[in-house]
PDB file of N, CA and C in Angstrom:
ATOM      1  N   MET A   1       0.795  -1.144  -0.094  1.00  0.00           N
ATOM      2  CA  MET A   1       0.013  -0.012   0.103  1.00  0.00           C
ATOM      3  C   MET A   1       0.914   1.293   0.043  1.00  0.00           C
ATOM      4  N   ILE A   2       0.583   2.150  -0.903  1.00  0.00           N
ATOM      5  CA  ILE A   2       1.316   3.372  -1.004  1.00  0.00           C
ATOM      6  C   ILE A   2       0.909   4.444  -0.004  1.00  0.00           C
ATOM      7  N   ASP A   3       1.650   5.059   0.782  1.00  0.00           N
ATOM      8  CA  ASP A   3       1.303   6.140   1.629  1.00  0.00           C
ATOM      9  C   ASP A   3       1.238   7.377   0.840  1.00  0.00           C
ATOM     10  N   VAL A   4       0.033   7.843   0.528  1.00  0.00           N
ATOM     11  CA  VAL A   4      -0.303   9.028  -0.260  1.00  0.00           C
ATOM     12  C   VAL A   4       0.388  10.178   0.137  1.00  0.00           C
ATOM     13  N   GLU A   5       0.377  10.556   1.343  1.00  0.00           N
ATOM     14  CA  GLU A   5       1.142  11.759   1.843  1.00  0.00           C
ATOM     15  C   GLU A   5       2.550  11.815   1.567  1.00  0.00           C
ATOM     16  N   GLU A   6       3.242  10.621   1.565  1.00  0.00           N
ATOM     17  CA  GLU A   6       4.607  10.565   1.239  1.00  0.00           C
ATOM     18  C   GLU A   6       4.967  10.931  -0.288  1.00  0.00           C
ATOM     19  N   TYR A   7       3.962  10.576  -1.199  1.00  0.00           N
ATOM     20  CA  TYR A   7       4.148  10.807  -2.633  1.00  0.00           C
ATOM     21  C   TYR A   7       3.239  11.914  -3.226  1.00  0.00           C
ATOM     22  N   ASN A   8       2.818  12.744  -2.479  1.00  0.00           N
ATOM     23  CA  ASN A   8       1.920  13.886  -2.900  1.00  0.00           C
ATOM     24  C   ASN A   8       2.437  14.617  -3.993  1.00  0.00           C
ATOM     25  N   ASP A   9       3.786  14.847  -4.083  1.00  0.00           N
ATOM     26  CA  ASP A   9       4.338  15.667  -5.204  1.00  0.00           C
ATOM     27  C   ASP A   9       4.242  15.080  -6.462  1.00  0.00           C
ATOM     28  N   TRP A  10       4.142  13.747  -6.645  1.00  0.00           N
ATOM     29  CA  TRP A  10       4.037  13.357  -8.019  1.00  0.00           C
ATOM     30  C   TRP A  10       2.728  12.429  -8.332  1.00  0.00           C
ATOM     31  N   ILE A  11       1.828  12.296  -7.528  1.00  0.00           N
ATOM     32  CA  ILE A  11       0.652  11.699  -7.758  1.00  0.00           C
ATOM     33  C   ILE A  11      -0.362  12.654  -8.480  1.00  0.00           C
ATOM     34  N   ALA A  12      -0.901  12.285  -9.633  1.00  0.00           N
ATOM     35  CA  ALA A  12      -1.774  13.102 -10.369  1.00  0.00           C
ATOM     36  C   ALA A  12      -3.109  13.253  -9.574  1.00  0.00           C
ATOM     37  N   PRO A  13      -3.555  14.575  -9.645  1.00  0.00           N
ATOM     38  CA  PRO A  13      -4.907  14.810  -8.893  1.00  0.00           C
ATOM     39  C   PRO A  13      -6.002  14.074  -9.628  1.00  0.00           C
ATOM     40  N   ILE A  14      -6.937  13.591  -8.721  1.00  0.00           N
ATOM     41  CA  ILE A  14      -8.117  12.932  -9.256  1.00  0.00           C
ATOM     42  C   ILE A  14      -9.226  13.109  -8.324  1.00  0.00           C
ATOM     43  N   GLY A  15     -10.317  13.859  -8.862  1.00  0.00           N
ATOM     44  CA  GLY A  15     -11.537  14.048  -8.197  1.00  0.00           C
ATOM     45  C   GLY A  15     -11.507  14.422  -6.775  1.00  0.00           C
ATOM     46  N   ARG A  16     -12.392  13.781  -6.059  1.00  0.00           N
ATOM     47  CA  ARG A  16     -12.652  14.119  -4.653  1.00  0.00           C
ATOM     48  C   ARG A  16     -11.481  13.487  -3.738  1.00  0.00           C
ATOM     49  N   THR A  17     -10.774  12.552  -4.285  1.00  0.00           N
ATOM     50  CA  THR A  17      -9.744  11.839  -3.409  1.00  0.00           C
ATOM     51  C   THR A  17      -8.543  12.560  -3.321  1.00  0.00           C
ATOM     52  N   LEU A  18      -7.850  12.851  -4.268  1.00  0.00           N
ATOM     53  CA  LEU A  18      -6.564  13.507  -4.568  1.00  0.00           C
ATOM     54  C   LEU A  18      -6.797  14.661  -5.420  1.00  0.00           C
ATOM     55  N   TYR A  19      -7.148  15.853  -5.000  1.00  0.00           N
ATOM     56  CA  TYR A  19      -7.324  16.984  -5.831  1.00  0.00           C
ATOM     57  C   TYR A  19      -6.489  18.082  -5.423  1.00  0.00           C
ATOM     58  N   ILE A  20      -5.993  18.711  -6.524  1.00  0.00           N
ATOM     59  CA  ILE A  20      -5.287  19.922  -6.370  1.00  0.00           C
ATOM     60  C   ILE A  20      -5.798  21.044  -7.398  1.00  0.00           C
ATOM     61  N   ILE A  21      -6.171  20.458  -8.610  1.00  0.00           N
ATOM     62  CA  ILE A  21      -6.659  21.438  -9.692  1.00  0.00           C
ATOM     63  C   ILE A  21      -8.064  21.251  -9.617  1.00  0.00           C
ATOM     64  N   ASN A  22      -8.869  22.395  -9.728  1.00  0.00           N
ATOM     65  CA  ASN A  22     -10.345  22.567  -9.928  1.00  0.00           C
ATOM     66  C   ASN A  22     -10.635  22.421 -11.418  1.00  0.00           C
ATOM     67  N   THR A  23     -10.842  21.174 -11.842  1.00  0.00           N
ATOM     68  CA  THR A  23     -11.026  20.869 -13.120  1.00  0.00           C
ATOM     69  C   THR A  23     -12.418  21.242 -13.651  1.00  0.00           C
ATOM     70  N   GLY A  24     -13.355  21.602 -12.789  1.00  0.00           N
ATOM     71  CA  GLY A  24     -14.660  22.120 -13.200  1.00  0.00           C
ATOM     72  C   GLY A  24     -14.689  23.399 -14.054  1.00  0.00           C
ATOM     73  N   GLU A  25     -13.581  24.066 -13.840  1.00  0.00           N
ATOM     74  CA  GLU A  25     -13.605  25.407 -14.564  1.00  0.00           C
ATOM     75  C   GLU A  25     -13.475  25.238 -16.051  1.00  0.00           C
ATOM     76  N   TRP A  26     -13.009  23.918 -16.631  1.00  0.00           N
ATOM     77  CA  TRP A  26     -12.820  23.731 -17.978  1.00  0.00           C
ATOM     78  C   TRP A  26     -14.033  23.509 -18.736  1.00  0.00           C
ATOM     79  N   ARG A  27     -15.147  23.223 -18.018  1.00  0.00           N
ATOM     80  CA  ARG A  27     -16.429  22.673 -18.550  1.00  0.00           C
ATOM     81  C   ARG A  27     -17.114  23.517 -19.373  1.00  0.00           C
ATOM     82  N   TYR A  28     -17.671  23.089 -20.497  1.00  0.00           N
ATOM     83  CA  TYR A  28     -18.704  23.901 -21.284  1.00  0.00           C
ATOM     84  C   TYR A  28     -20.082  23.301 -21.410  1.00  0.00           C
ATOM     85  N   GLN A  29     -20.110  22.098 -20.723  1.00  0.00           N
ATOM     86  CA  GLN A  29     -21.401  21.393 -20.467  1.00  0.00           C
ATOM     87  C   GLN A  29     -21.239  20.554 -19.343  1.00  0.00           C
ATOM     88  N   ARG A  30     -22.483  20.248 -18.637  1.00  0.00           N
ATOM     89  CA  ARG A  30     -22.554  19.490 -17.404  1.00  0.00           C
ATOM     90  C   ARG A  30     -23.701  18.348 -17.401  1.00  0.00           C
ATOM     91  N   PRO A  31     -23.409  17.308 -16.585  1.00  0.00           N
ATOM     92  CA  PRO A  31     -24.272  16.254 -16.570  1.00  0.00           C
ATOM     93  C   PRO A  31     -25.422  16.605 -15.595  1.00  0.00           C
ATOM     94  N   GLU A  32     -26.578  16.415 -16.162  1.00  0.00           N
ATOM     95  CA  GLU A  32     -27.848  16.549 -15.205  1.00  0.00           C
ATOM     96  C   GLU A  32     -28.416  15.193 -15.070  1.00  0.00           C
ATOM     97  N   ARG A  33     -28.739  14.758 -13.954  1.00  0.00           N
ATOM     98  CA  ARG A  33     -29.231  13.402 -13.624  1.00  0.00           C
ATOM     99  C   ARG A  33     -30.824  13.431 -13.310  1.00  0.00           C
ATOM    100  N   ASP A  34     -31.348  12.447 -13.880  1.00  0.00           N
ATOM    101  CA  ASP A  34     -32.857  12.359 -13.647  1.00  0.00           C
ATOM    102  C   ASP A  34     -32.876  11.104 -12.588  1.00  0.00           C
ATOM    103  N   HIS A  35     -33.063  11.274 -11.254  1.00  0.00           N
ATOM    104  CA  HIS A  35     -32.862  10.333 -10.265  1.00  0.00           C
ATOM    105  C   HIS A  35     -34.067   9.355 -10.399  1.00  0.00           C
ATOM    106  N   LYS A  36     -35.076   9.668 -10.928  1.00  0.00           N
ATOM    107  CA  LYS A  36     -36.180   8.646 -11.067  1.00  0.00           C
ATOM    108  C   LYS A  36     -35.818   7.588 -12.146  1.00  0.00           C
ATOM    109  N   LYS A  37     -35.059   8.013 -13.229  1.00  0.00           N
ATOM    110  CA  LYS A  37     -34.641   7.065 -14.246  1.00  0.00           C
ATOM    111  C   LYS A  37     -33.408   6.185 -13.746  1.00  0.00           C
ATOM    112  N   CYS A  38     -32.540   6.661 -12.805  1.00  0.00           N
ATOM    113  CA  CYS A  38     -31.393   6.027 -12.445  1.00  0.00           C
ATOM    114  C   CYS A  38     -31.652   4.703 -11.791  1.00  0.00           C
ATOM    115  N   LYS A  39     -30.829   3.726 -12.414  1.00  0.00           N
ATOM    116  CA  LYS A  39     -30.928   2.324 -11.912  1.00  0.00           C
ATOM    117  C   LYS A  39     -29.872   1.998 -10.748  1.00  0.00           C
ATOM    118  N   LYS A  40     -29.121   2.905 -10.464  1.00  0.00           N
ATOM    119  CA  LYS A  40     -28.060   2.770  -9.487  1.00  0.00           C
ATOM    120  C   LYS A  40     -27.035   1.788  -9.789  1.00  0.00           C
ATOM    121  N   CYS A  41     -26.746   1.639 -11.062  1.00  0.00           N
ATOM    122  CA  CYS A  41     -25.848   0.598 -11.583  1.00  0.00           C
ATOM    123  C   CYS A  41     -24.376   0.953 -11.335  1.00  0.00           C
ATOM    124  N   GLY A  42     -23.988   2.267 -11.249  1.00  0.00           N
ATOM    125  CA  GLY A  42     -22.663   2.685 -10.788  1.00  0.00           C
ATOM    126  C   GLY A  42     -21.778   2.931 -12.057  1.00  0.00           C
ATOM    127  N   ALA A  43     -22.271   2.879 -13.305  1.00  0.00           N
ATOM    128  CA  ALA A  43     -21.553   2.989 -14.393  1.00  0.00           C
ATOM    129  C   ALA A  43     -20.935   4.365 -14.487  1.00  0.00           C
ATOM    130  N   CYS A  44     -21.703   5.394 -14.158  1.00  0.00           N
ATOM    131  CA  CYS A  44     -21.201   6.848 -14.130  1.00  0.00           C
ATOM    132  C   CYS A  44     -19.952   6.909 -13.107  1.00  0.00           C
ATOM    133  N   PHE A  45     -20.130   6.156 -12.099  1.00  0.00           N
ATOM    134  CA  PHE A  45     -19.073   6.210 -11.042  1.00  0.00           C
ATOM    135  C   PHE A  45     -17.803   5.515 -11.519  1.00  0.00           C
ATOM    136  N   ILE A  46     -18.003   4.282 -12.128  1.00  0.00           N
ATOM    137  CA  ILE A  46     -16.802   3.669 -12.622  1.00  0.00           C
ATOM    138  C   ILE A  46     -16.083   4.299 -13.791  1.00  0.00           C
ATOM    139  N   PHE A  47     -16.752   4.899 -14.662  1.00  0.00           N
ATOM    140  CA  PHE A  47     -16.112   5.482 -15.838  1.00  0.00           C
ATOM    141  C   PHE A  47     -15.628   6.815 -15.716  1.00  0.00           C
ATOM    142  N   CYS A  48     -16.153   7.541 -14.824  1.00  0.00           N
ATOM    143  CA  CYS A  48     -15.788   9.043 -14.574  1.00  0.00           C
ATOM    144  C   CYS A  48     -14.261   9.188 -14.381  1.00  0.00           C
ATOM    145  N   PRO A  49     -13.557   9.875 -15.397  1.00  0.00           N
ATOM    146  CA  PRO A  49     -12.098   9.879 -15.501  1.00  0.00           C
ATOM    147  C   PRO A  49     -11.617  10.783 -14.448  1.00  0.00           C
ATOM    148  N   THR A  50     -12.375  11.742 -13.821  1.00  0.00           N
ATOM    149  CA  THR A  50     -11.909  12.520 -12.743  1.00  0.00           C
ATOM    150  C   THR A  50     -12.343  12.150 -11.446  1.00  0.00           C
ATOM    151  N   GLY A  51     -13.017  11.147 -11.355  1.00  0.00           N
ATOM    152  CA  GLY A  51     -13.644  10.676  -9.958  1.00  0.00           C
ATOM    153  C   GLY A  51     -14.514  11.665  -9.383  1.00  0.00           C
ATOM    154  N   SER A  52     -15.240  12.424 -10.051  1.00  0.00           N
ATOM    155  CA  SER A  52     -16.154  13.423  -9.556  1.00  0.00           C
ATOM    156  C   SER A  52     -17.516  12.843  -9.198  1.00  0.00           C
ATOM    157  N   VAL A  53     -17.850  11.577  -9.565  1.00  0.00           N
ATOM    158  CA  VAL A  53     -19.084  10.986  -9.299  1.00  0.00           C
ATOM    159  C   VAL A  53     -18.965  10.385  -7.820  1.00  0.00           C
ATOM    160  N   PHE A  54     -19.933  10.716  -6.910  1.00  0.00           N
ATOM    161  CA  PHE A  54     -19.950  10.063  -5.744  1.00  0.00           C
ATOM    162  C   PHE A  54     -21.377   9.604  -5.280  1.00  0.00           C
ATOM    163  N   VAL A  55     -21.529   8.946  -4.125  1.00  0.00           N
ATOM    164  CA  VAL A  55     -22.785   8.370  -3.456  1.00  0.00           C
ATOM    165  C   VAL A  55     -23.070   9.270  -2.394  1.00  0.00           C
ATOM    166  N   GLU A  56     -24.343   9.721  -2.298  1.00  0.00           N
ATOM    167  CA  GLU A  56     -24.709  10.523  -1.207  1.00  0.00           C
ATOM    168  C   GLU A  56     -26.248  10.205  -1.044  1.00  0.00           C
ATOM    169  N   SER A  57     -26.551   9.678   0.194  1.00  0.00           N
ATOM    170  CA  SER A  57     -27.906   9.279   0.547  1.00  0.00           C
ATOM    171  C   SER A  57     -28.356   8.282  -0.414  1.00  0.00           C
ATOM    172  N   SER A  58     -27.669   7.293  -0.788  1.00  0.00           N
ATOM    173  CA  SER A  58     -27.901   6.292  -1.730  1.00  0.00           C
ATOM    174  C   SER A  58     -28.276   6.696  -3.130  1.00  0.00           C
ATOM    175  N   ARG A  59     -27.803   7.884  -3.478  1.00  0.00           N
ATOM    176  CA  ARG A  59     -27.960   8.490  -4.957  1.00  0.00           C
ATOM    177  C   ARG A  59     -26.577   8.785  -5.357  1.00  0.00           C
ATOM    178  N   TYR A  60     -26.439   8.678  -6.755  1.00  0.00           N
ATOM    179  CA  TYR A  60     -25.203   9.050  -7.414  1.00  0.00           C
ATOM    180  C   TYR A  60     -25.288  10.637  -7.740  1.00  0.00           C
ATOM    181  N   GLU A  61     -24.238  11.312  -7.391  1.00  0.00           N
ATOM    182  CA  GLU A  61     -24.320  12.711  -7.544  1.00  0.00           C
ATOM    183  C   GLU A  61     -22.945  13.185  -8.214  1.00  0.00           C
ATOM    184  N   THR A  62     -22.961  14.402  -8.638  1.00  0.00           N
ATOM    185  CA  THR A  62     -21.661  14.859  -9.389  1.00  0.00           C
ATOM    186  C   THR A  62     -21.048  15.973  -8.720  1.00  0.00           C
ATOM    187  N   ASP A  63     -19.714  15.939  -8.335  1.00  0.00           N
ATOM    188  CA  ASP A  63     -19.087  17.125  -7.778  1.00  0.00           C
ATOM    189  C   ASP A  63     -18.595  18.069  -8.939  1.00  0.00           C
ATOM    190  N   TYR A  64     -19.411  19.121  -9.072  1.00  0.00           N
ATOM    191  CA  TYR A  64     -19.165  19.906 -10.283  1.00  0.00           C
ATOM    192  C   TYR A  64     -17.830  20.861 -10.074  1.00  0.00           C
ATOM    193  N   GLU A  65     -17.185  20.829  -8.959  1.00  0.00           N
ATOM    194  CA  GLU A  65     -15.861  21.452  -8.966  1.00  0.00           C
ATOM    195  C   GLU A  65     -14.831  20.577  -9.679  1.00  0.00           C
ATOM    196  N   TYR A  66     -15.029  19.424  -9.801  1.00  0.00           N
ATOM    197  CA  TYR A  66     -14.058  18.452 -10.421  1.00  0.00           C
ATOM    198  C   TYR A  66     -14.521  17.993 -11.753  1.00  0.00           C
ATOM    199  N   CYS A  67     -15.917  17.914 -12.129  1.00  0.00           N
ATOM    200  CA  CYS A  67     -16.473  17.342 -13.359  1.00  0.00           C
ATOM    201  C   CYS A  67     -15.898  18.336 -14.390  1.00  0.00           C
ATOM    202  N   LYS A  68     -15.387  17.706 -15.564  1.00  0.00           N
ATOM    203  CA  LYS A  68     -14.834  18.582 -16.640  1.00  0.00           C
ATOM    204  C   LYS A  68     -15.743  18.444 -17.794  1.00  0.00           C
ATOM    205  N   GLY A  69     -16.874  17.809 -17.737  1.00  0.00           N
ATOM    206  CA  GLY A  69     -18.022  17.850 -18.659  1.00  0.00           C
ATOM    207  C   GLY A  69     -17.734  17.014 -19.936  1.00  0.00           C
ATOM    208  N   CYS A  70     -16.952  16.025 -19.770  1.00  0.00           N
ATOM    209  CA  CYS A  70     -16.427  15.157 -20.886  1.00  0.00           C
ATOM    210  C   CYS A  70     -17.624  14.331 -21.475  1.00  0.00           C
ATOM    211  N   GLY A  71     -18.711  14.034 -20.657  1.00  0.00           N
ATOM    212  CA  GLY A  71     -19.948  13.344 -21.197  1.00  0.00           C
ATOM    213  C   GLY A  71     -19.779  11.831 -21.090  1.00  0.00           C
ATOM    214  N   ILE A  72     -18.659  11.327 -20.561  1.00  0.00           N
ATOM    215  CA  ILE A  72     -18.557   9.945 -20.592  1.00  0.00           C
ATOM    216  C   ILE A  72     -19.692   9.346 -19.606  1.00  0.00           C
ATOM    217  N   CYS A  73     -20.010   9.951 -18.608  1.00  0.00           N
ATOM    218  CA  CYS A  73     -21.013   9.375 -17.664  1.00  0.00           C
ATOM    219  C   CYS A  73     -22.379   9.200 -18.422  1.00  0.00           C
ATOM    220  N   ALA A  74     -22.808  10.274 -19.293  1.00  0.00           N
ATOM    221  CA  ALA A  74     -23.950  10.294 -19.979  1.00  0.00           C
ATOM    222  C   ALA A  74     -23.951   9.162 -20.993  1.00  0.00           C
ATOM    223  N   ARG A  75     -22.824   8.840 -21.742  1.00  0.00           N
ATOM    224  CA  ARG A  75     -22.691   8.035 -22.777  1.00  0.00           C
ATOM    225  C   ARG A  75     -22.917   6.482 -22.246  1.00  0.00           C
ATOM    226  N   GLU A  76     -22.322   6.327 -21.029  1.00  0.00           N
ATOM    227  CA  GLU A  76     -22.281   5.040 -20.438  1.00  0.00           C
ATOM    228  C   GLU A  76     -23.480   4.691 -19.680  1.00  0.00           C
ATOM    229  N   CYS A  77     -24.286   5.586 -19.401  1.00  0.00           N
ATOM    230  CA  CYS A  77     -25.590   5.464 -18.659  1.00  0.00           C
ATOM    231  C   CYS A  77     -26.628   4.604 -19.609  1.00  0.00           C
ATOM    232  N   ARG A  78     -26.883   3.376 -19.320  1.00  0.00           N
ATOM    233  CA  ARG A  78     -27.743   2.677 -20.137  1.00  0.00           C
ATOM    234  C   ARG A  78     -29.298   2.941 -19.766  1.00  0.00           C
ATOM    235  N   ALA A  79     -29.547   3.560 -18.670  1.00  0.00           N
ATOM    236  CA  ALA A  79     -30.921   3.918 -18.351  1.00  0.00           C
ATOM    237  C   ALA A  79     -31.249   5.318 -18.970  1.00  0.00           C
ATOM    238  N   GLY A  80     -30.343   6.088 -19.495  1.00  0.00           N
ATOM    239  CA  GLY A  80     -30.585   7.378 -20.058  1.00  0.00           C
ATOM    240  C   GLY A  80     -30.994   8.369 -19.045  1.00  0.00           C
ATOM    241  N   ALA A  81     -30.461   8.182 -17.898  1.00  0.00           N
ATOM    242  CA  ALA A  81     -30.638   9.148 -16.649  1.00  0.00           C
ATOM    243  C   ALA A  81     -29.814  10.377 -16.589  1.00  0.00           C
ATOM    244  N   ILE A  82     -28.745  10.280 -17.506  1.00  0.00           N
ATOM    245  CA  ILE A  82     -27.919  11.506 -17.409  1.00  0.00           C
ATOM    246  C   ILE A  82     -27.970  12.193 -18.798  1.00  0.00           C
ATOM    247  N   LEU A  83     -28.219  13.427 -18.821  1.00  0.00           N
ATOM    248  CA  LEU A  83     -28.260  14.392 -19.944  1.00  0.00           C
ATOM    249  C   LEU A  83     -27.196  15.470 -19.889  1.00  0.00           C
ATOM    250  N   MET A  84     -26.394  15.712 -20.869  1.00  0.00           N
ATOM    251  CA  MET A  84     -25.396  16.787 -20.876  1.00  0.00           C
ATOM    252  C   MET A  84     -26.090  18.013 -21.251  1.00  0.00           C
ATOM    253  N   VAL A  85     -26.159  19.092 -20.599  1.00  0.00           N
ATOM    254  CA  VAL A  85     -26.668  20.368 -20.844  1.00  0.00           C
ATOM    255  C   VAL A  85     -25.525  21.465 -20.859  1.00  0.00           C
ATOM    256  N   GLU A  86     -25.834  22.571 -21.624  1.00  0.00           N
ATOM    257  CA  GLU A  86     -24.962  23.598 -21.700  1.00  0.00           C
ATOM    258  C   GLU A  86     -24.636  24.232 -20.330  1.00  0.00           C
ATOM    259  N   GLU A  87     -23.427  24.572 -19.975  1.00  0.00           N
ATOM    260  CA  GLU A  87     -22.891  25.169 -18.871  1.00  0.00           C
ATOM    261  C   GLU A  87     -23.382  26.573 -18.837  1.00  0.00           C
ATOM    262  N   VAL A  88     -23.908  27.058 -17.786  1.00  0.00           N
ATOM    263  CA  VAL A  88     -24.414  28.414 -17.650  1.00  0.00           C
ATOM    264  C   VAL A  88     -23.495  28.991 -16.656  1.00  0.00           C
ATOM    265  N   THR A  89     -22.695  30.064 -17.059  1.00  0.00           N
ATOM    266  CA  THR A  89     -21.815  30.875 -16.138  1.00  0.00           C
ATOM    267  C   THR A  89     -22.543  31.864 -15.338  1.00  0.00           C
ATOM    268  N   LYS A  90     -22.101  32.124 -14.214  1.00  0.00           N
ATOM    269  CA  LYS A  90     -22.859  33.051 -13.409  1.00  0.00           C
ATOM    270  C   LYS A  90     -21.994  34.347 -13.158  1.00  0.00           C
TER     271      LYS A  90
END
């Protein structure tokens, strides 16, 4: 087992676990979930390259600070519960 603290200088940042860079600022589109359609299969969690999908109260959610809007979660969702929508800046 690798001690993460010991190797912090060379480990690439990934989502909510090892994050340094706020990758959500790169996004032009964002995933929106329809929790009624979600089958809780975990495909979005498994395939998310930034690790920004997490489980909260037995529902899959997205941490938009680290989601870069790649759309892989929507493409892999067999239930069609994730739709990519245009990012609106505030």
